[in-house]
C-alpha atoms as a PDB file:
ATOM      1  CA  UNK A   1       1.824  76.856 -48.418  1.00  0.00           C
ATOM      2  CA  UNK A   2       0.174  73.643 -50.138  1.00  0.00           C
ATOM      3  CA  UNK A   3       0.737  70.557 -47.498  1.00  0.00           C
ATOM      4  CA  UNK A   4       3.254  67.491 -48.529  1.00  0.00           C
ATOM      5  CA  UNK A   5       2.282  65.226 -51.733  1.00  0.00           C
ATOM      6  CA  UNK A   6       1.293  61.941 -50.266  1.00  0.00           C
ATOM      7  CA  UNK A   7       1.931  59.065 -52.756  1.00  0.00           C
ATOM      8  CA  UNK A   8      -0.541  56.240 -52.298  1.00  0.00           C
ATOM      9  CA  UNK A   9       1.243  53.077 -51.600  1.00  0.00           C
ATOM     10  CA  UNK A  10      -0.199  50.145 -53.712  1.00  0.00           C
ATOM     11  CA  UNK A  11      -1.026  46.780 -52.039  1.00  0.00           C
ATOM     12  CA  UNK A  12       0.899  43.409 -53.006  1.00  0.00           C
ATOM     13  CA  UNK A  13      -1.816  41.877 -53.794  1.00  0.00           C
ATOM     14  CA  UNK A  14      -2.036  44.488 -56.145  1.00  0.00           C
ATOM     15  CA  UNK A  15       1.074  43.902 -57.974  1.00  0.00           C
ATOM     16  CA  UNK A  16       0.263  40.402 -57.978  1.00  0.00           C
ATOM     17  CA  UNK A  17      -2.697  40.636 -60.228  1.00  0.00           C
ATOM     18  CA  UNK A  18      -1.082  40.139 -63.672  1.00  0.00           C
ATOM     19  CA  UNK A  19       0.645  37.165 -62.370  1.00  0.00           C
ATOM     20  CA  UNK A  20      -3.042  35.779 -60.833  1.00  0.00           C
ATOM     21  CA  UNK A  21      -4.434  36.492 -64.596  1.00  0.00           C
ATOM     22  CA  UNK A  22      -1.682  34.424 -66.109  1.00  0.00           C
ATOM     23  CA  UNK A  23      -1.818  31.493 -64.242  1.00  0.00           C
ATOM     24  CA  UNK A  24      -5.632  31.689 -64.589  1.00  0.00           C
ATOM     25  CA  UNK A  25      -5.262  31.534 -68.230  1.00  0.00           C
ATOM     26  CA  UNK A  26      -2.611  28.977 -68.558  1.00  0.00           C
ATOM     27  CA  UNK A  27      -4.880  26.491 -66.078  1.00  0.00           C
ATOM     28  CA  UNK A  28      -7.560  26.817 -68.642  1.00  0.00           C
ATOM     29  CA  UNK A  29      -5.854  26.378 -71.518  1.00  0.00           C
ATOM     30  CA  UNK A  30      -3.785  23.349 -69.762  1.00  0.00           C
ATOM     31  CA  UNK A  31      -7.184  21.603 -68.688  1.00  0.00           C
ATOM     32  CA  UNK A  32      -8.771  21.945 -71.984  1.00  0.00           C
ATOM     33  CA  UNK A  33      -5.554  20.483 -74.045  1.00  0.00           C
ATOM     34  CA  UNK A  34      -4.865  17.713 -71.767  1.00  0.00           C
ATOM     35  CA  UNK A  35      -8.433  16.812 -71.977  1.00  0.00           C
ATOM     36  CA  UNK A  36      -7.881  16.531 -75.549  1.00  0.00           C
ATOM     37  CA  UNK A  37      -4.779  16.027 -76.978  1.00  0.00           C
ATOM     38  CA  UNK A  38      -3.138  14.237 -73.736  1.00  0.00           C
ATOM     39  CA  UNK A  39      -6.376  12.463 -73.014  1.00  0.00           C
ATOM     40  CA  UNK A  40      -8.427  11.826 -76.261  1.00  0.00           C
ATOM     41  CA  UNK A  41      -5.495  11.715 -78.372  1.00  0.00           C
ATOM     42  CA  UNK A  42      -3.461   9.674 -76.184  1.00  0.00           C
ATOM     43  CA  UNK A  43      -6.248   6.799 -76.347  1.00  0.00           C
ATOM     44  CA  UNK A  44      -6.526   6.934 -80.528  1.00  0.00           C
ATOM     45  CA  UNK A  45      -2.312   7.129 -80.149  1.00  0.00           C
ATOM     46  CA  UNK A  46      -2.992   3.523 -78.176  1.00  0.00           C
ATOM     47  CA  UNK A  47      -5.894   2.398 -80.818  1.00  0.00           C
ATOM     48  CA  UNK A  48      -3.454   2.997 -83.313  1.00  0.00           C
ATOM     49  CA  UNK A  49      -0.799   1.183 -82.097  1.00  0.00           C
ATOM     50  CA  UNK A  50      -3.211  -1.500 -81.444  1.00  0.00           C
ATOM     51  CA  UNK A  51      -4.668  -1.409 -85.090  1.00  0.00           C
ATOM     52  CA  UNK A  52      -1.141  -1.852 -86.450  1.00  0.00           C
ATOM     53  CA  UNK A  53       0.133  -4.880 -84.672  1.00  0.00           C
ATOM     54  CA  UNK A  54      -2.317  -7.216 -83.327  1.00  0.00           C
ATOM     55  CA  UNK A  55       0.306  -9.325 -82.277  1.00  0.00           C
ATOM     56  CA  UNK A  56       0.002  -6.834 -78.989  1.00  0.00           C
ATOM     57  CA  UNK A  57      -3.451  -6.645 -78.342  1.00  0.00           C
ATOM     58  CA  UNK A  58      -4.253  -7.439 -74.532  1.00  0.00           C
ATOM     59  CA  UNK A  59      -0.644  -6.882 -73.525  1.00  0.00           C
ATOM     60  CA  UNK A  60      -0.117  -4.324 -71.051  1.00  0.00           C
ATOM     61  CA  UNK A  61       2.066  -1.360 -71.485  1.00  0.00           C
ATOM     62  CA  UNK A  62       4.431  -0.058 -68.787  1.00  0.00           C
ATOM     63  CA  UNK A  63       2.089   2.830 -67.522  1.00  0.00           C
ATOM     64  CA  UNK A  64      -0.625  -0.415 -66.693  1.00  0.00           C
ATOM     65  CA  UNK A  65      -2.640   0.143 -69.584  1.00  0.00           C
ATOM     66  CA  UNK A  66      -4.508  -2.610 -71.801  1.00  0.00           C
ATOM     67  CA  UNK A  67      -3.259  -2.609 -75.397  1.00  0.00           C
ATOM     68  CA  UNK A  68      -6.376  -2.338 -77.888  1.00  0.00           C
ATOM     69  CA  UNK A  69      -8.916  -2.062 -75.177  1.00  0.00           C
ATOM     70  CA  UNK A  70     -10.753   1.630 -74.557  1.00  0.00           C
ATOM     71  CA  UNK A  71     -12.595   1.701 -71.368  1.00  0.00           C
ATOM     72  CA  UNK A  72     -15.210   4.506 -70.266  1.00  0.00           C
ATOM     73  CA  UNK A  73     -12.820   4.143 -67.005  1.00  0.00           C
ATOM     74  CA  UNK A  74      -9.165   3.762 -68.234  1.00  0.00           C
ATOM     75  CA  UNK A  75      -9.889   6.983 -70.860  1.00  0.00           C
ATOM     76  CA  UNK A  76     -10.979   8.900 -67.704  1.00  0.00           C
ATOM     77  CA  UNK A  77      -8.023   8.212 -66.374  1.00  0.00           C
ATOM     78  CA  UNK A  78      -5.706   9.026 -68.895  1.00  0.00           C
ATOM     79  CA  UNK A  79      -7.743  12.479 -69.096  1.00  0.00           C
ATOM     80  CA  UNK A  80      -7.168  12.629 -65.826  1.00  0.00           C
ATOM     81  CA  UNK A  81      -3.233  12.478 -65.848  1.00  0.00           C
ATOM     82  CA  UNK A  82      -2.906  14.364 -68.832  1.00  0.00           C
ATOM     83  CA  UNK A  83      -4.816  17.678 -66.805  1.00  0.00           C
ATOM     84  CA  UNK A  84      -2.490  17.322 -63.858  1.00  0.00           C
ATOM     85  CA  UNK A  85       0.390  17.096 -66.371  1.00  0.00           C
ATOM     86  CA  UNK A  86      -0.460  19.754 -68.477  1.00  0.00           C
ATOM     87  CA  UNK A  87      -1.374  21.594 -64.984  1.00  0.00           C
ATOM     88  CA  UNK A  88       2.306  21.193 -63.738  1.00  0.00           C
ATOM     89  CA  UNK A  89       4.144  22.849 -67.023  1.00  0.00           C
ATOM     90  CA  UNK A  90       1.866  26.258 -66.975  1.00  0.00           C
ATOM     91  CA  UNK A  91       4.248  27.113 -63.815  1.00  0.00           C
ATOM     92  CA  UNK A  92       6.734  26.370 -66.362  1.00  0.00           C
ATOM     93  CA  UNK A  93       5.559  28.342 -69.149  1.00  0.00           C
ATOM     94  CA  UNK A  94       4.610  31.457 -67.862  1.00  0.00           C
ATOM     95  CA  UNK A  95       7.954  31.254 -66.125  1.00  0.00           C
ATOM     96  CA  UNK A  96       9.903  30.598 -69.519  1.00  0.00           C
ATOM     97  CA  UNK A  97       7.195  33.208 -71.513  1.00  0.00           C
ATOM     98  CA  UNK A  98       8.886  36.092 -71.010  1.00  0.00           C
ATOM     99  CA  UNK A  99      12.146  34.753 -72.569  1.00  0.00           C
ATOM    100  CA  UNK A 100      10.595  33.375 -75.919  1.00  0.00           C
ATOM    101  CA  UNK A 101      11.360  35.799 -79.257  1.00  0.00           C
ATOM    102  CA  UNK A 102       9.702  36.603 -82.228  1.00  0.00           C
ATOM    103  CA  UNK A 103       5.837  36.770 -83.150  1.00  0.00           C
ATOM    104  CA  UNK A 104       3.266  34.911 -81.452  1.00  0.00           C
ATOM    105  CA  UNK A 105       3.328  31.872 -83.725  1.00  0.00           C
ATOM    106  CA  UNK A 106       7.007  31.819 -83.446  1.00  0.00           C
ATOM    107  CA  UNK A 107       6.981  31.833 -79.675  1.00  0.00           C
ATOM    108  CA  UNK A 108       4.171  29.293 -80.082  1.00  0.00           C
ATOM    109  CA  UNK A 109       6.152  27.272 -82.466  1.00  0.00           C
ATOM    110  CA  UNK A 110       9.448  27.048 -80.188  1.00  0.00           C
ATOM    111  CA  UNK A 111       7.854  26.232 -76.652  1.00  0.00           C
ATOM    112  CA  UNK A 112       6.677  23.514 -78.603  1.00  0.00           C
ATOM    113  CA  UNK A 113       9.129  22.114 -80.541  1.00  0.00           C
ATOM    114  CA  UNK A 114      11.606  22.236 -77.269  1.00  0.00           C
ATOM    115  CA  UNK A 115       8.670  20.889 -74.551  1.00  0.00           C
ATOM    116  CA  UNK A 116       8.157  18.186 -77.559  1.00  0.00           C
ATOM    117  CA  UNK A 117      12.045  17.666 -77.799  1.00  0.00           C
ATOM    118  CA  UNK A 118      12.322  17.055 -74.152  1.00  0.00           C
ATOM    119  CA  UNK A 119       9.458  14.876 -73.269  1.00  0.00           C
ATOM    120  CA  UNK A 120      10.161  12.655 -75.635  1.00  0.00           C
ATOM    121  CA  UNK A 121      13.843  12.068 -74.760  1.00  0.00           C
ATOM    122  CA  UNK A 122      12.667  11.716 -70.947  1.00  0.00           C
ATOM    123  CA  UNK A 123      10.069   9.105 -71.990  1.00  0.00           C
ATOM    124  CA  UNK A 124      11.850   7.062 -75.178  1.00  0.00           C
ATOM    125  CA  UNK A 125      13.355   4.806 -73.220  1.00  0.00           C
ATOM    126  CA  UNK A 126      14.501   1.555 -76.047  1.00  0.00           C
ATOM    127  CA  UNK A 127      14.548  -1.247 -74.249  1.00  0.00           C
ATOM    128  CA  UNK A 128      11.096  -0.925 -72.660  1.00  0.00           C
ATOM    129  CA  UNK A 129       7.886  -2.393 -73.520  1.00  0.00           C
ATOM    130  CA  UNK A 130       6.111   0.606 -75.289  1.00  0.00           C
ATOM    131  CA  UNK A 131       9.017   0.390 -77.497  1.00  0.00           C
ATOM    132  CA  UNK A 132      10.125  -3.129 -78.124  1.00  0.00           C
ATOM    133  CA  UNK A 133       6.377  -4.846 -78.445  1.00  0.00           C
ATOM    134  CA  UNK A 134       5.279  -2.683 -81.765  1.00  0.00           C
ATOM    135  CA  UNK A 135       6.580  -3.190 -85.055  1.00  0.00           C
ATOM    136  CA  UNK A 136       7.143  -0.529 -86.977  1.00  0.00           C
ATOM    137  CA  UNK A 137       8.948   0.107 -83.799  1.00  0.00           C
ATOM    138  CA  UNK A 138       9.429   4.246 -85.073  1.00  0.00           C
ATOM    139  CA  UNK A 139       5.599   4.580 -84.930  1.00  0.00           C
ATOM    140  CA  UNK A 140       5.527   4.830 -80.755  1.00  0.00           C
ATOM    141  CA  UNK A 141       8.566   7.003 -81.359  1.00  0.00           C
ATOM    142  CA  UNK A 142       6.495   9.466 -83.160  1.00  0.00           C
ATOM    143  CA  UNK A 143       3.457   9.364 -81.405  1.00  0.00           C
ATOM    144  CA  UNK A 144       5.176  10.372 -78.250  1.00  0.00           C
ATOM    145  CA  UNK A 145       7.266  13.362 -79.292  1.00  0.00           C
ATOM    146  CA  UNK A 146       4.336  14.337 -81.720  1.00  0.00           C
ATOM    147  CA  UNK A 147       1.600  14.033 -78.739  1.00  0.00           C
ATOM    148  CA  UNK A 148       3.663  16.303 -76.296  1.00  0.00           C
ATOM    149  CA  UNK A 149       3.976  18.745 -79.092  1.00  0.00           C
ATOM    150  CA  UNK A 150       0.702  19.429 -80.170  1.00  0.00           C
ATOM    151  CA  UNK A 151      -0.031  19.436 -76.459  1.00  0.00           C
ATOM    152  CA  UNK A 152       1.780  22.500 -75.654  1.00  0.00           C
ATOM    153  CA  UNK A 153       1.311  24.262 -79.408  1.00  0.00           C
ATOM    154  CA  UNK A 154      -2.520  23.715 -78.208  1.00  0.00           C
ATOM    155  CA  UNK A 155      -1.920  24.982 -74.667  1.00  0.00           C
ATOM    156  CA  UNK A 156       0.140  27.950 -75.629  1.00  0.00           C
ATOM    157  CA  UNK A 157      -1.837  29.311 -78.335  1.00  0.00           C
ATOM    158  CA  UNK A 158      -4.745  29.130 -76.351  1.00  0.00           C
ATOM    159  CA  UNK A 159      -2.879  30.793 -73.633  1.00  0.00           C
ATOM    160  CA  UNK A 160      -1.515  33.842 -75.729  1.00  0.00           C
ATOM    161  CA  UNK A 161      -5.290  34.239 -77.357  1.00  0.00           C
ATOM    162  CA  UNK A 162      -6.330  34.685 -73.665  1.00  0.00           C
ATOM    163  CA  UNK A 163      -3.828  36.732 -72.636  1.00  0.00           C
ATOM    164  CA  UNK A 164      -4.246  39.300 -75.529  1.00  0.00           C
ATOM    165  CA  UNK A 165      -5.054  43.372 -74.493  1.00  0.00           C
ATOM    166  CA  UNK A 166      -8.926  43.412 -73.995  1.00  0.00           C
ATOM    167  CA  UNK A 167      -9.248  39.162 -73.369  1.00  0.00           C
ATOM    168  CA  UNK A 168     -11.577  38.273 -70.677  1.00  0.00           C
ATOM    169  CA  UNK A 169      -8.468  37.371 -68.745  1.00  0.00           C
ATOM    170  CA  UNK A 170      -7.537  40.235 -68.678  1.00  0.00           C
ATOM    171  CA  UNK A 171     -10.321  42.796 -68.475  1.00  0.00           C
ATOM    172  CA  UNK A 172     -12.639  41.112 -66.051  1.00  0.00           C
ATOM    173  CA  UNK A 173     -13.002  41.290 -62.866  1.00  0.00           C
ATOM    174  CA  UNK A 174      -9.927  39.669 -60.675  1.00  0.00           C
ATOM    175  CA  UNK A 175     -12.536  37.455 -58.145  1.00  0.00           C
ATOM    176  CA  UNK A 176     -13.948  36.103 -61.258  1.00  0.00           C
ATOM    177  CA  UNK A 177     -10.898  35.291 -62.802  1.00  0.00           C
ATOM    178  CA  UNK A 178      -9.557  34.317 -59.908  1.00  0.00           C
ATOM    179  CA  UNK A 179     -12.105  31.494 -59.372  1.00  0.00           C
ATOM    180  CA  UNK A 180     -11.252  29.636 -62.688  1.00  0.00           C
ATOM    181  CA  UNK A 181      -8.214  28.584 -60.993  1.00  0.00           C
ATOM    182  CA  UNK A 182     -10.414  26.227 -59.072  1.00  0.00           C
ATOM    183  CA  UNK A 183      -9.529  24.017 -62.274  1.00  0.00           C
ATOM    184  CA  UNK A 184      -6.421  23.108 -59.934  1.00  0.00           C
ATOM    185  CA  UNK A 185      -9.431  20.830 -58.300  1.00  0.00           C
ATOM    186  CA  UNK A 186      -9.022  18.262 -61.365  1.00  0.00           C
ATOM    187  CA  UNK A 187      -5.615  18.196 -60.528  1.00  0.00           C
ATOM    188  CA  UNK A 188      -4.919  17.853 -56.817  1.00  0.00           C
ATOM    189  CA  UNK A 189      -2.207  15.554 -57.542  1.00  0.00           C
ATOM    190  CA  UNK A 190      -0.499  18.519 -59.528  1.00  0.00           C
ATOM    191  CA  UNK A 191      -1.209  21.249 -57.024  1.00  0.00           C
ATOM    192  CA  UNK A 192       0.503  19.044 -54.027  1.00  0.00           C
ATOM    193  CA  UNK A 193       3.212  18.885 -56.704  1.00  0.00           C
ATOM    194  CA  UNK A 194       3.498  22.259 -58.081  1.00  0.00           C
ATOM    195  CA  UNK A 195       2.583  24.185 -54.755  1.00  0.00           C
ATOM    196  CA  UNK A 196       5.822  24.662 -53.387  1.00  0.00           C
ATOM    197  CA  UNK A 197       6.960  26.457 -57.294  1.00  0.00           C
ATOM    198  CA  UNK A 198       4.133  28.811 -56.953  1.00  0.00           C
ATOM    199  CA  UNK A 199       5.065  30.096 -53.482  1.00  0.00           C
ATOM    200  CA  UNK A 200       8.591  30.346 -54.355  1.00  0.00           C
ATOM    201  CA  UNK A 201       7.851  32.373 -57.799  1.00  0.00           C
ATOM    202  CA  UNK A 202       5.421  34.524 -55.542  1.00  0.00           C
ATOM    203  CA  UNK A 203       8.138  35.168 -53.161  1.00  0.00           C
ATOM    204  CA  UNK A 204      10.657  36.403 -55.815  1.00  0.00           C
ATOM    205  CA  UNK A 205       7.902  38.778 -57.370  1.00  0.00           C
ATOM    206  CA  UNK A 206       7.387  40.678 -54.413  1.00  0.00           C
ATOM    207  CA  UNK A 207      10.864  41.033 -53.607  1.00  0.00           C
ATOM    208  CA  UNK A 208      11.686  41.689 -56.920  1.00  0.00           C
ATOM    209  CA  UNK A 209       8.618  44.501 -56.737  1.00  0.00           C
ATOM    210  CA  UNK A 210      10.245  45.414 -53.365  1.00  0.00           C
ATOM    211  CA  UNK A 211      13.703  45.697 -54.268  1.00  0.00           C
ATOM    212  CA  UNK A 212      13.842  46.594 -57.885  1.00  0.00           C
ATOM    213  CA  UNK A 213      17.013  44.742 -59.607  1.00  0.00           C
ATOM    214  CA  UNK A 214      20.153  47.156 -60.801  1.00  0.00           C
ATOM    215  CA  UNK A 215      19.896  47.699 -65.177  1.00  0.00           C
ATOM    216  CA  UNK A 216      22.947  45.337 -65.508  1.00  0.00           C
ATOM    217  CA  UNK A 217      20.888  42.562 -63.785  1.00  0.00           C
ATOM    218  CA  UNK A 218      17.916  43.402 -65.787  1.00  0.00           C
ATOM    219  CA  UNK A 219      19.635  43.009 -68.982  1.00  0.00           C
ATOM    220  CA  UNK A 220      21.423  39.586 -68.327  1.00  0.00           C
ATOM    221  CA  UNK A 221      18.962  37.470 -66.996  1.00  0.00           C
ATOM    222  CA  UNK A 222      16.707  36.833 -69.718  1.00  0.00           C
ATOM    223  CA  UNK A 223      19.677  35.704 -72.141  1.00  0.00           C
ATOM    224  CA  UNK A 224      21.333  33.539 -69.047  1.00  0.00           C
ATOM    225  CA  UNK A 225      17.490  32.370 -69.213  1.00  0.00           C
ATOM    226  CA  UNK A 226      17.646  31.816 -73.033  1.00  0.00           C
ATOM    227  CA  UNK A 227      21.158  30.032 -72.887  1.00  0.00           C
ATOM    228  CA  UNK A 228      19.775  27.175 -70.361  1.00  0.00           C
ATOM    229  CA  UNK A 229      16.875  26.695 -72.584  1.00  0.00           C
ATOM    230  CA  UNK A 230      18.818  26.687 -75.917  1.00  0.00           C
ATOM    231  CA  UNK A 231      21.422  23.912 -73.537  1.00  0.00           C
ATOM    232  CA  UNK A 232      18.193  21.624 -72.685  1.00  0.00           C
ATOM    233  CA  UNK A 233      17.079  21.843 -76.145  1.00  0.00           C
ATOM    234  CA  UNK A 234      20.345  20.891 -77.433  1.00  0.00           C
ATOM    235  CA  UNK A 235      20.983  17.947 -74.921  1.00  0.00           C
ATOM    236  CA  UNK A 236      17.214  16.574 -75.783  1.00  0.00           C
ATOM    237  CA  UNK A 237      17.635  16.872 -79.434  1.00  0.00           C
ATOM    238  CA  UNK A 238      20.997  14.372 -79.049  1.00  0.00           C
ATOM    239  CA  UNK A 239      19.702  12.020 -76.403  1.00  0.00           C
ATOM    240  CA  UNK A 240      16.535  11.407 -78.507  1.00  0.00           C
ATOM    241  CA  UNK A 241      18.783  10.907 -81.589  1.00  0.00           C
ATOM    242  CA  UNK A 242      20.484   8.194 -79.896  1.00  0.00           C
ATOM    243  CA  UNK A 243      17.168   6.923 -78.508  1.00  0.00           C
ATOM    244  CA  UNK A 244      15.953   6.987 -82.039  1.00  0.00           C
ATOM    245  CA  UNK A 245      19.278   5.024 -83.279  1.00  0.00           C
ATOM    246  CA  UNK A 246      19.177   2.255 -80.641  1.00  0.00           C
ATOM    247  CA  UNK A 247      15.750   1.621 -82.048  1.00  0.00           C
ATOM    248  CA  UNK A 248      16.577   1.595 -85.863  1.00  0.00           C
END
């Protein structure tokens, strides 16, 4: 008689391999988008604001930057801050990514518009210096919404490009892929803030891998998540509309 069939046990660390690859691709995309759009693009936006209203030259913004003055130190500081913010968004994007619907271009446009509206609603304060001192007052609003939309669109496009079948992040040995996570050294502050969220996500993934949920839970969970995202987007648009009305 044939002996019992032995089923190999797949270690949990191998089950987490796809998530490591996703995090690596998204992290590299976040660093590039943060440096180009949030950092250099943010600097150009500041220069544009100063050029349109010379009265503000030399004044300090709410974030401690001098209007009209472009220095290497200030630019590097802004680039570093933009990379940190971008890295903070990687985990959020990877959590939201399975909830997005449609072809890649629609998913990228959806997440970019949603993020731009939400960030704009949070950052735009009609009573702050950044929106009271400049003329025309709507230019800072347009820039504060356009920059995060462009930032997230580039970030999402790069991430999706690097996660297609056959890409380096999907096919290369896991060790060199994991080494790209050293980009988080550029955002050490972001790493401290996001570490608890990463640990929580890993714990949930291991739990779901070991104890798969029932079919009803699997079907309902994505739609609950989409409903939450729609609610956040509606709130952001309403809040942003009130801020614009106050400024106008």
